[in-house]
């Protein structure tokens, strides 16, 4: 099974109890194939309510965490420049998450497909 980098939107869906997100994530946990970018950890903490802290921490702890390395930072910059030349502006966060997937060999699980123009990087489940 392919390793999967879970984008923030899917993580939030899971934490809100959406069955589609649970169906996606639970098999990944069982096979140790679920990954989060450290940026997703940041985004989850930035948006959570205090009452959601325990569930959020449990979710994060169930996933493998990918840090931002120099290689990922450089690749993220390349991705940003590549799409900027085409008139597409992506956020730094999305470029770094995309770069993490490229460098580490993951697919990306997201509903925000417009944030990741290279569709071959998206996980089809």
PDB file of N, CA and C in Angstrom:
ATOM      1  N   UNK A   1       0.845  -1.190   0.000  1.00  0.00           N
ATOM      2  CA  UNK A   1       0.000   0.000   0.000  1.00  0.00           C
ATOM      3  C   UNK A   1       0.884   1.246   0.000  1.00  0.00           C
ATOM      4  N   UNK A   2       0.483   2.233  -0.756  1.00  0.00           N
ATOM      5  CA  UNK A   2       1.176   3.514  -0.887  1.00  0.00           C
ATOM      6  C   UNK A   2       1.136   4.290   0.434  1.00  0.00           C
ATOM      7  N   UNK A   3       2.247   4.957   0.768  1.00  0.00           N
ATOM      8  CA  UNK A   3       2.225   5.862   1.915  1.00  0.00           C
ATOM      9  C   UNK A   3       1.501   7.143   1.514  1.00  0.00           C
ATOM     10  N   UNK A   4       0.791   7.727   2.479  1.00  0.00           N
ATOM     11  CA  UNK A   4      -0.090   8.852   2.166  1.00  0.00           C
ATOM     12  C   UNK A   4       0.156  10.000   3.143  1.00  0.00           C
ATOM     13  N   UNK A   5       0.355  11.181   2.581  1.00  0.00           N
ATOM     14  CA  UNK A   5       0.476  12.412   3.349  1.00  0.00           C
ATOM     15  C   UNK A   5      -0.924  13.024   3.450  1.00  0.00           C
ATOM     16  N   UNK A   6      -1.449  13.067   4.651  1.00  0.00           N
ATOM     17  CA  UNK A   6      -2.820  13.536   4.885  1.00  0.00           C
ATOM     18  C   UNK A   6      -2.816  15.054   4.997  1.00  0.00           C
ATOM     19  N   UNK A   7      -3.558  15.710   4.117  1.00  0.00           N
ATOM     20  CA  UNK A   7      -3.649  17.165   4.145  1.00  0.00           C
ATOM     21  C   UNK A   7      -4.575  17.593   5.292  1.00  0.00           C
ATOM     22  N   UNK A   8      -4.464  18.845   5.662  1.00  0.00           N
ATOM     23  CA  UNK A   8      -5.192  19.363   6.821  1.00  0.00           C
ATOM     24  C   UNK A   8      -6.700  19.201   6.689  1.00  0.00           C
ATOM     25  N   UNK A   9      -7.235  19.394   5.494  1.00  0.00           N
ATOM     26  CA  UNK A   9      -8.690  19.291   5.331  1.00  0.00           C
ATOM     27  C   UNK A   9      -9.198  17.895   5.664  1.00  0.00           C
ATOM     28  N   UNK A  10      -8.463  16.876   5.267  1.00  0.00           N
ATOM     29  CA  UNK A  10      -8.860  15.491   5.553  1.00  0.00           C
ATOM     30  C   UNK A  10      -8.715  15.207   7.050  1.00  0.00           C
ATOM     31  N   UNK A  11      -7.650  15.719   7.665  1.00  0.00           N
ATOM     32  CA  UNK A  11      -7.465  15.542   9.110  1.00  0.00           C
ATOM     33  C   UNK A  11      -8.629  16.174   9.877  1.00  0.00           C
ATOM     34  N   UNK A  12      -9.033  17.363   9.470  1.00  0.00           N
ATOM     35  CA  UNK A  12     -10.162  18.039  10.124  1.00  0.00           C
ATOM     36  C   UNK A  12     -11.447  17.243   9.917  1.00  0.00           C
ATOM     37  N   UNK A  13     -11.647  16.740   8.710  1.00  0.00           N
ATOM     38  CA  UNK A  13     -12.832  15.907   8.454  1.00  0.00           C
ATOM     39  C   UNK A  13     -12.866  14.719   9.408  1.00  0.00           C
ATOM     40  N   UNK A  14     -11.722  14.067   9.593  1.00  0.00           N
ATOM     41  CA  UNK A  14     -11.645  12.924  10.509  1.00  0.00           C
ATOM     42  C   UNK A  14     -12.012  13.374  11.931  1.00  0.00           C
ATOM     43  N   UNK A  15     -11.411  14.458  12.371  1.00  0.00           N
ATOM     44  CA  UNK A  15     -11.654  14.939  13.732  1.00  0.00           C
ATOM     45  C   UNK A  15     -13.103  15.372  13.945  1.00  0.00           C
ATOM     46  N   UNK A  16     -13.786  15.721  12.882  1.00  0.00           N
ATOM     47  CA  UNK A  16     -15.210  16.087  12.963  1.00  0.00           C
ATOM     48  C   UNK A  16     -16.123  14.883  12.787  1.00  0.00           C
ATOM     49  N   UNK A  17     -15.526  13.702  12.657  1.00  0.00           N
ATOM     50  CA  UNK A  17     -16.312  12.477  12.616  1.00  0.00           C
ATOM     51  C   UNK A  17     -16.861  12.090  11.261  1.00  0.00           C
ATOM     52  N   UNK A  18     -16.356  12.670  10.195  1.00  0.00           N
ATOM     53  CA  UNK A  18     -16.869  12.343   8.859  1.00  0.00           C
ATOM     54  C   UNK A  18     -16.455  10.924   8.468  1.00  0.00           C
ATOM     55  N   UNK A  19     -17.435  10.117   8.118  1.00  0.00           N
ATOM     56  CA  UNK A  19     -17.171   8.709   7.816  1.00  0.00           C
ATOM     57  C   UNK A  19     -16.249   8.545   6.613  1.00  0.00           C
ATOM     58  N   UNK A  20     -16.329   9.420   5.627  1.00  0.00           N
ATOM     59  CA  UNK A  20     -15.450   9.299   4.456  1.00  0.00           C
ATOM     60  C   UNK A  20     -13.986   9.447   4.858  1.00  0.00           C
ATOM     61  N   UNK A  21     -13.695  10.347   5.785  1.00  0.00           N
ATOM     62  CA  UNK A  21     -12.323  10.524   6.260  1.00  0.00           C
ATOM     63  C   UNK A  21     -11.886   9.336   7.113  1.00  0.00           C
ATOM     64  N   UNK A  22     -12.780   8.825   7.936  1.00  0.00           N
ATOM     65  CA  UNK A  22     -12.443   7.647   8.744  1.00  0.00           C
ATOM     66  C   UNK A  22     -12.158   6.446   7.854  1.00  0.00           C
ATOM     67  N   UNK A  23     -12.971   6.268   6.813  1.00  0.00           N
ATOM     68  CA  UNK A  23     -12.762   5.153   5.880  1.00  0.00           C
ATOM     69  C   UNK A  23     -11.415   5.264   5.174  1.00  0.00           C
ATOM     70  N   UNK A  24     -10.958   6.466   4.953  1.00  0.00           N
ATOM     71  CA  UNK A  24      -9.674   6.699   4.304  1.00  0.00           C
ATOM     72  C   UNK A  24      -8.514   6.464   5.273  1.00  0.00           C
ATOM     73  N   UNK A  25      -8.618   7.004   6.478  1.00  0.00           N
ATOM     74  CA  UNK A  25      -7.490   7.044   7.411  1.00  0.00           C
ATOM     75  C   UNK A  25      -7.293   5.751   8.193  1.00  0.00           C
ATOM     76  N   UNK A  26      -8.351   5.114   8.642  1.00  0.00           N
ATOM     77  CA  UNK A  26      -8.189   3.920   9.487  1.00  0.00           C
ATOM     78  C   UNK A  26      -7.341   2.830   8.835  1.00  0.00           C
ATOM     79  N   UNK A  27      -7.542   2.496   7.552  1.00  0.00           N
ATOM     80  CA  UNK A  27      -6.663   1.490   6.932  1.00  0.00           C
ATOM     81  C   UNK A  27      -5.201   1.943   6.857  1.00  0.00           C
ATOM     82  N   UNK A  28      -4.985   3.240   6.710  1.00  0.00           N
ATOM     83  CA  UNK A  28      -3.612   3.753   6.678  1.00  0.00           C
ATOM     84  C   UNK A  28      -2.948   3.588   8.039  1.00  0.00           C
ATOM     85  N   UNK A  29      -3.693   3.836   9.106  1.00  0.00           N
ATOM     86  CA  UNK A  29      -3.142   3.642  10.443  1.00  0.00           C
ATOM     87  C   UNK A  29      -2.803   2.178  10.688  1.00  0.00           C
ATOM     88  N   UNK A  30      -3.687   1.290  10.250  1.00  0.00           N
ATOM     89  CA  UNK A  30      -3.467  -0.143  10.477  1.00  0.00           C
ATOM     90  C   UNK A  30      -2.199  -0.643   9.804  1.00  0.00           C
ATOM     91  N   UNK A  31      -1.822  -0.015   8.706  1.00  0.00           N
ATOM     92  CA  UNK A  31      -0.635  -0.441   7.957  1.00  0.00           C
ATOM     93  C   UNK A  31       0.542   0.521   8.130  1.00  0.00           C
ATOM     94  N   UNK A  32       0.420   1.468   9.048  1.00  0.00           N
ATOM     95  CA  UNK A  32       1.472   2.451   9.337  1.00  0.00           C
ATOM     96  C   UNK A  32       1.852   3.267   8.098  1.00  0.00           C
ATOM     97  N   UNK A  33       0.866   3.604   7.273  1.00  0.00           N
ATOM     98  CA  UNK A  33       1.105   4.340   6.024  1.00  0.00           C
ATOM     99  C   UNK A  33       0.600   5.779   6.084  1.00  0.00           C
ATOM    100  N   UNK A  34       0.119   6.223   7.250  1.00  0.00           N
ATOM    101  CA  UNK A  34      -0.432   7.576   7.397  1.00  0.00           C
ATOM    102  C   UNK A  34       0.659   8.541   7.849  1.00  0.00           C
ATOM    103  N   UNK A  35       0.821   9.621   7.087  1.00  0.00           N
ATOM    104  CA  UNK A  35       1.829  10.633   7.384  1.00  0.00           C
ATOM    105  C   UNK A  35       1.182  12.010   7.433  1.00  0.00           C
ATOM    106  N   UNK A  36       1.765  12.877   8.261  1.00  0.00           N
ATOM    107  CA  UNK A  36       1.389  14.290   8.310  1.00  0.00           C
ATOM    108  C   UNK A  36       2.648  15.121   8.124  1.00  0.00           C
ATOM    109  N   UNK A  37       2.526  16.213   7.407  1.00  0.00           N
ATOM    110  CA  UNK A  37       3.594  17.206   7.393  1.00  0.00           C
ATOM    111  C   UNK A  37       3.573  17.932   8.735  1.00  0.00           C
ATOM    112  N   UNK A  38       4.730  18.352   9.185  1.00  0.00           N
ATOM    113  CA  UNK A  38       4.788  19.162  10.397  1.00  0.00           C
ATOM    114  C   UNK A  38       3.944  20.430  10.233  1.00  0.00           C
ATOM    115  N   UNK A  39       3.758  20.875   8.991  1.00  0.00           N
ATOM    116  CA  UNK A  39       2.909  22.042   8.722  1.00  0.00           C
ATOM    117  C   UNK A  39       1.438  21.741   8.990  1.00  0.00           C
ATOM    118  N   UNK A  40       1.017  20.520   8.744  1.00  0.00           N
ATOM    119  CA  UNK A  40      -0.353  20.124   9.073  1.00  0.00           C
ATOM    120  C   UNK A  40      -0.537  20.098  10.585  1.00  0.00           C
ATOM    121  N   UNK A  41       0.488  19.644  11.307  1.00  0.00           N
ATOM    122  CA  UNK A  41       0.430  19.681  12.773  1.00  0.00           C
ATOM    123  C   UNK A  41       0.224  21.130  13.229  1.00  0.00           C
ATOM    124  N   UNK A  42       0.984  22.043  12.648  1.00  0.00           N
ATOM    125  CA  UNK A  42       0.829  23.468  12.966  1.00  0.00           C
ATOM    126  C   UNK A  42      -0.598  23.948  12.673  1.00  0.00           C
ATOM    127  N   UNK A  43      -1.097  23.635  11.472  1.00  0.00           N
ATOM    128  CA  UNK A  43      -2.430  24.106  11.092  1.00  0.00           C
ATOM    129  C   UNK A  43      -3.515  23.528  11.996  1.00  0.00           C
ATOM    130  N   UNK A  44      -3.380  22.266  12.378  1.00  0.00           N
ATOM    131  CA  UNK A  44      -4.364  21.664  13.281  1.00  0.00           C
ATOM    132  C   UNK A  44      -4.365  22.371  14.633  1.00  0.00           C
ATOM    133  N   UNK A  45      -3.176  22.655  15.158  1.00  0.00           N
ATOM    134  CA  UNK A  45      -3.091  23.347  16.447  1.00  0.00           C
ATOM    135  C   UNK A  45      -3.582  24.783  16.346  1.00  0.00           C
ATOM    136  N   UNK A  46      -3.310  25.432  15.228  1.00  0.00           N
ATOM    137  CA  UNK A  46      -3.733  26.828  15.053  1.00  0.00           C
ATOM    138  C   UNK A  46      -5.253  26.953  15.038  1.00  0.00           C
ATOM    139  N   UNK A  47      -5.938  25.939  14.517  1.00  0.00           N
ATOM    140  CA  UNK A  47      -7.382  26.034  14.358  1.00  0.00           C
ATOM    141  C   UNK A  47      -8.223  25.306  15.386  1.00  0.00           C
ATOM    142  N   UNK A  48      -7.586  24.569  16.293  1.00  0.00           N
ATOM    143  CA  UNK A  48      -8.389  23.756  17.209  1.00  0.00           C
ATOM    144  C   UNK A  48      -8.904  24.573  18.391  1.00  0.00           C
ATOM    145  N   UNK A  49     -10.009  24.100  18.914  1.00  0.00           N
ATOM    146  CA  UNK A  49     -10.540  24.641  20.169  1.00  0.00           C
ATOM    147  C   UNK A  49      -9.883  23.873  21.319  1.00  0.00           C
ATOM    148  N   UNK A  50      -9.868  24.470  22.477  1.00  0.00           N
ATOM    149  CA  UNK A  50      -9.267  23.809  23.642  1.00  0.00           C
ATOM    150  C   UNK A  50      -9.936  22.458  23.909  1.00  0.00           C
ATOM    151  N   UNK A  51     -11.245  22.378  23.691  1.00  0.00           N
ATOM    152  CA  UNK A  51     -11.981  21.130  23.927  1.00  0.00           C
ATOM    153  C   UNK A  51     -11.595  20.030  22.929  1.00  0.00           C
ATOM    154  N   UNK A  52     -10.924  20.391  21.844  1.00  0.00           N
ATOM    155  CA  UNK A  52     -10.525  19.427  20.815  1.00  0.00           C
ATOM    156  C   UNK A  52      -9.085  18.957  20.969  1.00  0.00           C
ATOM    157  N   UNK A  53      -8.399  19.477  21.972  1.00  0.00           N
ATOM    158  CA  UNK A  53      -6.962  19.226  22.108  1.00  0.00           C
ATOM    159  C   UNK A  53      -6.628  17.743  22.234  1.00  0.00           C
ATOM    160  N   UNK A  54      -7.319  17.020  23.081  1.00  0.00           N
ATOM    161  CA  UNK A  54      -6.992  15.610  23.290  1.00  0.00           C
ATOM    162  C   UNK A  54      -7.195  14.794  22.015  1.00  0.00           C
ATOM    163  N   UNK A  55      -8.322  14.980  21.357  1.00  0.00           N
ATOM    164  CA  UNK A  55      -8.579  14.249  20.110  1.00  0.00           C
ATOM    165  C   UNK A  55      -7.558  14.615  19.036  1.00  0.00           C
ATOM    166  N   UNK A  56      -7.209  15.894  18.970  1.00  0.00           N
ATOM    167  CA  UNK A  56      -6.220  16.342  17.982  1.00  0.00           C
ATOM    168  C   UNK A  56      -4.869  15.701  18.260  1.00  0.00           C
ATOM    169  N   UNK A  57      -4.451  15.695  19.515  1.00  0.00           N
ATOM    170  CA  UNK A  57      -3.166  15.081  19.876  1.00  0.00           C
ATOM    171  C   UNK A  57      -3.164  13.585  19.582  1.00  0.00           C
ATOM    172  N   UNK A  58      -4.263  12.908  19.890  1.00  0.00           N
ATOM    173  CA  UNK A  58      -4.350  11.473  19.596  1.00  0.00           C
ATOM    174  C   UNK A  58      -4.240  11.218  18.097  1.00  0.00           C
ATOM    175  N   UNK A  59      -4.889  12.061  17.297  1.00  0.00           N
ATOM    176  CA  UNK A  59      -4.814  11.927  15.842  1.00  0.00           C
ATOM    177  C   UNK A  59      -3.375  12.110  15.365  1.00  0.00           C
ATOM    178  N   UNK A  60      -2.745  13.175  15.813  1.00  0.00           N
ATOM    179  CA  UNK A  60      -1.365  13.457  15.405  1.00  0.00           C
ATOM    180  C   UNK A  60      -0.442  12.313  15.809  1.00  0.00           C
ATOM    181  N   UNK A  61      -0.598  11.826  17.025  1.00  0.00           N
ATOM    182  CA  UNK A  61       0.271  10.755  17.521  1.00  0.00           C
ATOM    183  C   UNK A  61       0.072   9.437  16.789  1.00  0.00           C
ATOM    184  N   UNK A  62      -1.070   9.261  16.142  1.00  0.00           N
ATOM    185  CA  UNK A  62      -1.328   8.033  15.381  1.00  0.00           C
ATOM    186  C   UNK A  62      -0.669   8.061  14.000  1.00  0.00           C
ATOM    187  N   UNK A  63      -0.167   9.221  13.606  1.00  0.00           N
ATOM    188  CA  UNK A  63       0.447   9.384  12.281  1.00  0.00           C
ATOM    189  C   UNK A  63       1.964   9.513  12.402  1.00  0.00           C
ATOM    190  N   UNK A  64       2.639   9.199  11.320  1.00  0.00           N
ATOM    191  CA  UNK A  64       4.066   9.491  11.199  1.00  0.00           C
ATOM    192  C   UNK A  64       4.192  10.960  10.807  1.00  0.00           C
ATOM    193  N   UNK A  65       5.154  11.661  11.393  1.00  0.00           N
ATOM    194  CA  UNK A  65       5.307  13.090  11.134  1.00  0.00           C
ATOM    195  C   UNK A  65       6.539  13.329  10.269  1.00  0.00           C
ATOM    196  N   UNK A  66       6.339  14.102   9.197  1.00  0.00           N
ATOM    197  CA  UNK A  66       7.431  14.466   8.297  1.00  0.00           C
ATOM    198  C   UNK A  66       7.890  15.893   8.602  1.00  0.00           C
ATOM    199  N   UNK A  67       9.165  16.075   8.964  1.00  0.00           N
ATOM    200  CA  UNK A  67       9.685  17.426   9.184  1.00  0.00           C
ATOM    201  C   UNK A  67      10.001  18.107   7.851  1.00  0.00           C
ATOM    202  N   UNK A  68      10.249  19.397   7.914  1.00  0.00           N
ATOM    203  CA  UNK A  68      10.709  20.134   6.743  1.00  0.00           C
ATOM    204  C   UNK A  68      12.238  20.086   6.758  1.00  0.00           C
ATOM    205  N   UNK A  69      12.803  19.451   5.765  1.00  0.00           N
ATOM    206  CA  UNK A  69      14.259  19.372   5.625  1.00  0.00           C
ATOM    207  C   UNK A  69      14.724  20.422   4.617  1.00  0.00           C
ATOM    208  N   UNK A  70      16.022  20.597   4.508  1.00  0.00           N
ATOM    209  CA  UNK A  70      16.563  21.518   3.501  1.00  0.00           C
ATOM    210  C   UNK A  70      16.144  21.076   2.109  1.00  0.00           C
ATOM    211  N   UNK A  71      16.208  19.783   1.832  1.00  0.00           N
ATOM    212  CA  UNK A  71      15.803  19.271   0.520  1.00  0.00           C
ATOM    213  C   UNK A  71      14.335  19.597   0.229  1.00  0.00           C
ATOM    214  N   UNK A  72      13.481  19.419   1.223  1.00  0.00           N
ATOM    215  CA  UNK A  72      12.059  19.726   1.050  1.00  0.00           C
ATOM    216  C   UNK A  72      11.862  21.229   0.848  1.00  0.00           C
ATOM    217  N   UNK A  73      12.569  22.053   1.612  1.00  0.00           N
ATOM    218  CA  UNK A  73      12.448  23.507   1.462  1.00  0.00           C
ATOM    219  C   UNK A  73      12.860  23.945   0.055  1.00  0.00           C
ATOM    220  N   UNK A  74      13.962  23.400  -0.443  1.00  0.00           N
ATOM    221  CA  UNK A  74      14.414  23.748  -1.799  1.00  0.00           C
ATOM    222  C   UNK A  74      13.402  23.293  -2.844  1.00  0.00           C
ATOM    223  N   UNK A  75      12.909  22.075  -2.706  1.00  0.00           N
ATOM    224  CA  UNK A  75      11.925  21.565  -3.665  1.00  0.00           C
ATOM    225  C   UNK A  75      10.642  22.390  -3.606  1.00  0.00           C
ATOM    226  N   UNK A  76      10.242  22.791  -2.409  1.00  0.00           N
ATOM    227  CA  UNK A  76       9.061  23.644  -2.275  1.00  0.00           C
ATOM    228  C   UNK A  76       9.217  24.953  -3.025  1.00  0.00           C
ATOM    229  N   UNK A  77      10.398  25.552  -2.943  1.00  0.00           N
ATOM    230  CA  UNK A  77      10.668  26.775  -3.691  1.00  0.00           C
ATOM    231  C   UNK A  77      10.608  26.553  -5.190  1.00  0.00           C
ATOM    232  N   UNK A  78      11.133  25.410  -5.636  1.00  0.00           N
ATOM    233  CA  UNK A  78      11.075  25.069  -7.066  1.00  0.00           C
ATOM    234  C   UNK A  78       9.626  24.912  -7.531  1.00  0.00           C
ATOM    235  N   UNK A  79       8.824  24.251  -6.723  1.00  0.00           N
ATOM    236  CA  UNK A  79       7.407  24.052  -7.060  1.00  0.00           C
ATOM    237  C   UNK A  79       6.701  25.401  -7.149  1.00  0.00           C
ATOM    238  N   UNK A  80       6.966  26.270  -6.185  1.00  0.00           N
ATOM    239  CA  UNK A  80       6.345  27.596  -6.196  1.00  0.00           C
ATOM    240  C   UNK A  80       6.702  28.346  -7.479  1.00  0.00           C
ATOM    241  N   UNK A  81       8.003  28.387  -7.811  1.00  0.00           N
ATOM    242  CA  UNK A  81       8.453  29.100  -9.012  1.00  0.00           C
ATOM    243  C   UNK A  81       7.870  28.495 -10.277  1.00  0.00           C
ATOM    244  N   UNK A  82       7.827  27.163 -10.347  1.00  0.00           N
ATOM    245  CA  UNK A  82       7.298  26.468 -11.525  1.00  0.00           C
ATOM    246  C   UNK A  82       5.862  26.899 -11.816  1.00  0.00           C
ATOM    247  N   UNK A  83       5.027  26.878 -10.805  1.00  0.00           N
ATOM    248  CA  UNK A  83       3.623  27.229 -11.014  1.00  0.00           C
ATOM    249  C   UNK A  83       3.420  28.737 -11.148  1.00  0.00           C
ATOM    250  N   UNK A  84       4.243  29.526 -10.472  1.00  0.00           N
ATOM    251  CA  UNK A  84       4.142  30.988 -10.584  1.00  0.00           C
ATOM    252  C   UNK A  84       4.387  31.420 -12.033  1.00  0.00           C
ATOM    253  N   UNK A  85       5.342  30.769 -12.710  1.00  0.00           N
ATOM    254  CA  UNK A  85       5.623  31.069 -14.123  1.00  0.00           C
ATOM    255  C   UNK A  85       4.412  30.785 -15.009  1.00  0.00           C
ATOM    256  N   UNK A  86       3.565  29.874 -14.562  1.00  0.00           N
ATOM    257  CA  UNK A  86       2.357  29.524 -15.315  1.00  0.00           C
ATOM    258  C   UNK A  86       1.160  30.387 -14.905  1.00  0.00           C
ATOM    259  N   UNK A  87       1.407  31.346 -14.011  1.00  0.00           N
ATOM    260  CA  UNK A  87       0.332  32.215 -13.552  1.00  0.00           C
ATOM    261  C   UNK A  87      -0.493  31.626 -12.427  1.00  0.00           C
ATOM    262  N   UNK A  88       0.013  30.557 -11.810  1.00  0.00           N
ATOM    263  CA  UNK A  88      -0.689  29.897 -10.703  1.00  0.00           C
ATOM    264  C   UNK A  88       0.046  30.235  -9.411  1.00  0.00           C
ATOM    265  N   UNK A  89      -0.653  30.855  -8.475  1.00  0.00           N
ATOM    266  CA  UNK A  89      -0.043  31.193  -7.196  1.00  0.00           C
ATOM    267  C   UNK A  89      -0.523  30.208  -6.140  1.00  0.00           C
ATOM    268  N   UNK A  90       0.421  29.493  -5.560  1.00  0.00           N
ATOM    269  CA  UNK A  90       0.137  28.538  -4.487  1.00  0.00           C
ATOM    270  C   UNK A  90       0.682  29.093  -3.181  1.00  0.00           C
ATOM    271  N   UNK A  91       0.118  28.664  -2.068  1.00  0.00           N
ATOM    272  CA  UNK A  91       0.650  29.093  -0.773  1.00  0.00           C
ATOM    273  C   UNK A  91       1.966  28.377  -0.500  1.00  0.00           C
ATOM    274  N   UNK A  92       2.781  28.993   0.326  1.00  0.00           N
ATOM    275  CA  UNK A  92       4.036  28.353   0.731  1.00  0.00           C
ATOM    276  C   UNK A  92       3.759  27.026   1.420  1.00  0.00           C
ATOM    277  N   UNK A  93       2.729  26.998   2.246  1.00  0.00           N
ATOM    278  CA  UNK A  93       2.384  25.762   2.954  1.00  0.00           C
ATOM    279  C   UNK A  93       2.069  24.642   1.973  1.00  0.00           C
ATOM    280  N   UNK A  94       1.239  24.924   0.975  1.00  0.00           N
ATOM    281  CA  UNK A  94       0.890  23.885   0.004  1.00  0.00           C
ATOM    282  C   UNK A  94       2.106  23.448  -0.809  1.00  0.00           C
ATOM    283  N   UNK A  95       2.983  24.390  -1.156  1.00  0.00           N
ATOM    284  CA  UNK A  95       4.202  24.022  -1.886  1.00  0.00           C
ATOM    285  C   UNK A  95       5.093  23.117  -1.042  1.00  0.00           C
ATOM    286  N   UNK A  96       5.196  23.403   0.240  1.00  0.00           N
ATOM    287  CA  UNK A  96       6.033  22.581   1.118  1.00  0.00           C
ATOM    288  C   UNK A  96       5.407  21.215   1.383  1.00  0.00           C
ATOM    289  N   UNK A  97       4.099  21.148   1.496  1.00  0.00           N
ATOM    290  CA  UNK A  97       3.433  19.851   1.649  1.00  0.00           C
ATOM    291  C   UNK A  97       3.619  19.034   0.375  1.00  0.00           C
ATOM    292  N   UNK A  98       3.455  19.670  -0.778  1.00  0.00           N
ATOM    293  CA  UNK A  98       3.676  18.989  -2.054  1.00  0.00           C
ATOM    294  C   UNK A  98       5.117  18.502  -2.147  1.00  0.00           C
ATOM    295  N   UNK A  99       6.063  19.355  -1.777  1.00  0.00           N
ATOM    296  CA  UNK A  99       7.477  18.981  -1.819  1.00  0.00           C
ATOM    297  C   UNK A  99       7.772  17.817  -0.881  1.00  0.00           C
ATOM    298  N   UNK A 100       7.150  17.802   0.277  1.00  0.00           N
ATOM    299  CA  UNK A 100       7.330  16.686   1.210  1.00  0.00           C
ATOM    300  C   UNK A 100       6.894  15.384   0.558  1.00  0.00           C
ATOM    301  N   UNK A 101       5.750  15.419  -0.110  1.00  0.00           N
ATOM    302  CA  UNK A 101       5.255  14.218  -0.792  1.00  0.00           C
ATOM    303  C   UNK A 101       6.212  13.782  -1.895  1.00  0.00           C
ATOM    304  N   UNK A 102       6.714  14.729  -2.671  1.00  0.00           N
ATOM    305  CA  UNK A 102       7.636  14.402  -3.766  1.00  0.00           C
ATOM    306  C   UNK A 102       8.920  13.787  -3.218  1.00  0.00           C
ATOM    307  N   UNK A 103       9.539  14.459  -2.264  1.00  0.00           N
ATOM    308  CA  UNK A 103      10.834  14.022  -1.730  1.00  0.00           C
ATOM    309  C   UNK A 103      10.717  12.684  -1.009  1.00  0.00           C
ATOM    310  N   UNK A 104       9.636  12.490  -0.273  1.00  0.00           N
ATOM    311  CA  UNK A 104       9.477  11.278   0.540  1.00  0.00           C
ATOM    312  C   UNK A 104       8.724  10.155  -0.167  1.00  0.00           C
ATOM    313  N   UNK A 105       8.192  10.423  -1.355  1.00  0.00           N
ATOM    314  CA  UNK A 105       7.516   9.379  -2.123  1.00  0.00           C
ATOM    315  C   UNK A 105       6.095   9.077  -1.685  1.00  0.00           C
ATOM    316  N   UNK A 106       5.428  10.048  -1.079  1.00  0.00           N
ATOM    317  CA  UNK A 106       4.038   9.883  -0.650  1.00  0.00           C
ATOM    318  C   UNK A 106       3.077  10.383  -1.724  1.00  0.00           C
ATOM    319  N   UNK A 107       1.838   9.942  -1.645  1.00  0.00           N
ATOM    320  CA  UNK A 107       0.728  10.570  -2.347  1.00  0.00           C
ATOM    321  C   UNK A 107       0.043  11.497  -1.340  1.00  0.00           C
ATOM    322  N   UNK A 108      -0.728  12.452  -1.829  1.00  0.00           N
ATOM    323  CA  UNK A 108      -1.400  13.422  -0.964  1.00  0.00           C
ATOM    324  C   UNK A 108      -2.897  13.131  -0.933  1.00  0.00           C
ATOM    325  N   UNK A 109      -3.443  12.983   0.273  1.00  0.00           N
ATOM    326  CA  UNK A 109      -4.892  12.837   0.448  1.00  0.00           C
ATOM    327  C   UNK A 109      -5.455  14.210   0.785  1.00  0.00           C
ATOM    328  N   UNK A 110      -6.295  14.735  -0.105  1.00  0.00           N
ATOM    329  CA  UNK A 110      -6.867  16.065   0.086  1.00  0.00           C
ATOM    330  C   UNK A 110      -8.176  16.189  -0.673  1.00  0.00           C
ATOM    331  N   UNK A 111      -9.034  17.075  -0.196  1.00  0.00           N
ATOM    332  CA  UNK A 111     -10.197  17.493  -0.982  1.00  0.00           C
ATOM    333  C   UNK A 111      -9.864  18.755  -1.767  1.00  0.00           C
ATOM    334  N   UNK A 112      -8.802  19.441  -1.367  1.00  0.00           N
ATOM    335  CA  UNK A 112      -8.397  20.706  -1.986  1.00  0.00           C
ATOM    336  C   UNK A 112      -7.492  20.457  -3.190  1.00  0.00           C
ATOM    337  N   UNK A 113      -8.033  19.795  -4.172  1.00  0.00           N
ATOM    338  CA  UNK A 113      -7.235  19.387  -5.327  1.00  0.00           C
ATOM    339  C   UNK A 113      -6.644  20.571  -6.091  1.00  0.00           C
ATOM    340  N   UNK A 114      -7.306  21.724  -6.028  1.00  0.00           N
ATOM    341  CA  UNK A 114      -6.776  22.904  -6.718  1.00  0.00           C
ATOM    342  C   UNK A 114      -5.486  23.414  -6.080  1.00  0.00           C
ATOM    343  N   UNK A 115      -5.198  23.005  -4.854  1.00  0.00           N
ATOM    344  CA  UNK A 115      -3.962  23.403  -4.177  1.00  0.00           C
ATOM    345  C   UNK A 115      -2.759  22.603  -4.680  1.00  0.00           C
ATOM    346  N   UNK A 116      -3.023  21.526  -5.410  1.00  0.00           N
ATOM    347  CA  UNK A 116      -1.967  20.622  -5.883  1.00  0.00           C
ATOM    348  C   UNK A 116      -2.169  20.363  -7.372  1.00  0.00           C
ATOM    349  N   UNK A 117      -1.663  21.264  -8.232  1.00  0.00           N
ATOM    350  CA  UNK A 117      -1.910  21.151  -9.680  1.00  0.00           C
ATOM    351  C   UNK A 117      -1.373  19.872 -10.320  1.00  0.00           C
ATOM    352  N   UNK A 118      -0.331  19.268  -9.754  1.00  0.00           N
ATOM    353  CA  UNK A 118       0.221  18.027 -10.305  1.00  0.00           C
ATOM    354  C   UNK A 118      -0.639  16.865  -9.813  1.00  0.00           C
ATOM    355  N   UNK A 119      -1.635  16.510 -10.603  1.00  0.00           N
ATOM    356  CA  UNK A 119      -2.639  15.527 -10.179  1.00  0.00           C
ATOM    357  C   UNK A 119      -2.058  14.140  -9.929  1.00  0.00           C
ATOM    358  N   UNK A 120      -0.889  13.839 -10.475  1.00  0.00           N
ATOM    359  CA  UNK A 120      -0.307  12.515 -10.215  1.00  0.00           C
ATOM    360  C   UNK A 120       0.178  12.382  -8.767  1.00  0.00           C
ATOM    361  N   UNK A 121       0.249  13.515  -8.055  1.00  0.00           N
ATOM    362  CA  UNK A 121       0.642  13.475  -6.644  1.00  0.00           C
ATOM    363  C   UNK A 121      -0.533  13.130  -5.727  1.00  0.00           C
ATOM    364  N   UNK A 122      -1.743  13.163  -6.257  1.00  0.00           N
ATOM    365  CA  UNK A 122      -2.928  12.940  -5.427  1.00  0.00           C
ATOM    366  C   UNK A 122      -3.212  11.462  -5.245  1.00  0.00           C
ATOM    367  N   UNK A 123      -3.632  11.117  -4.030  1.00  0.00           N
ATOM    368  CA  UNK A 123      -3.966   9.730  -3.712  1.00  0.00           C
ATOM    369  C   UNK A 123      -5.384   9.443  -4.164  1.00  0.00           C
ATOM    370  N   UNK A 124      -5.513   8.380  -4.904  1.00  0.00           N
ATOM    371  CA  UNK A 124      -6.842   7.936  -5.341  1.00  0.00           C
ATOM    372  C   UNK A 124      -7.212   6.719  -4.504  1.00  0.00           C
ATOM    373  N   UNK A 125      -8.229   6.856  -3.701  1.00  0.00           N
ATOM    374  CA  UNK A 125      -8.634   5.749  -2.821  1.00  0.00           C
ATOM    375  C   UNK A 125      -9.995   5.238  -3.184  1.00  0.00           C
TER     376      UNK A 125
END
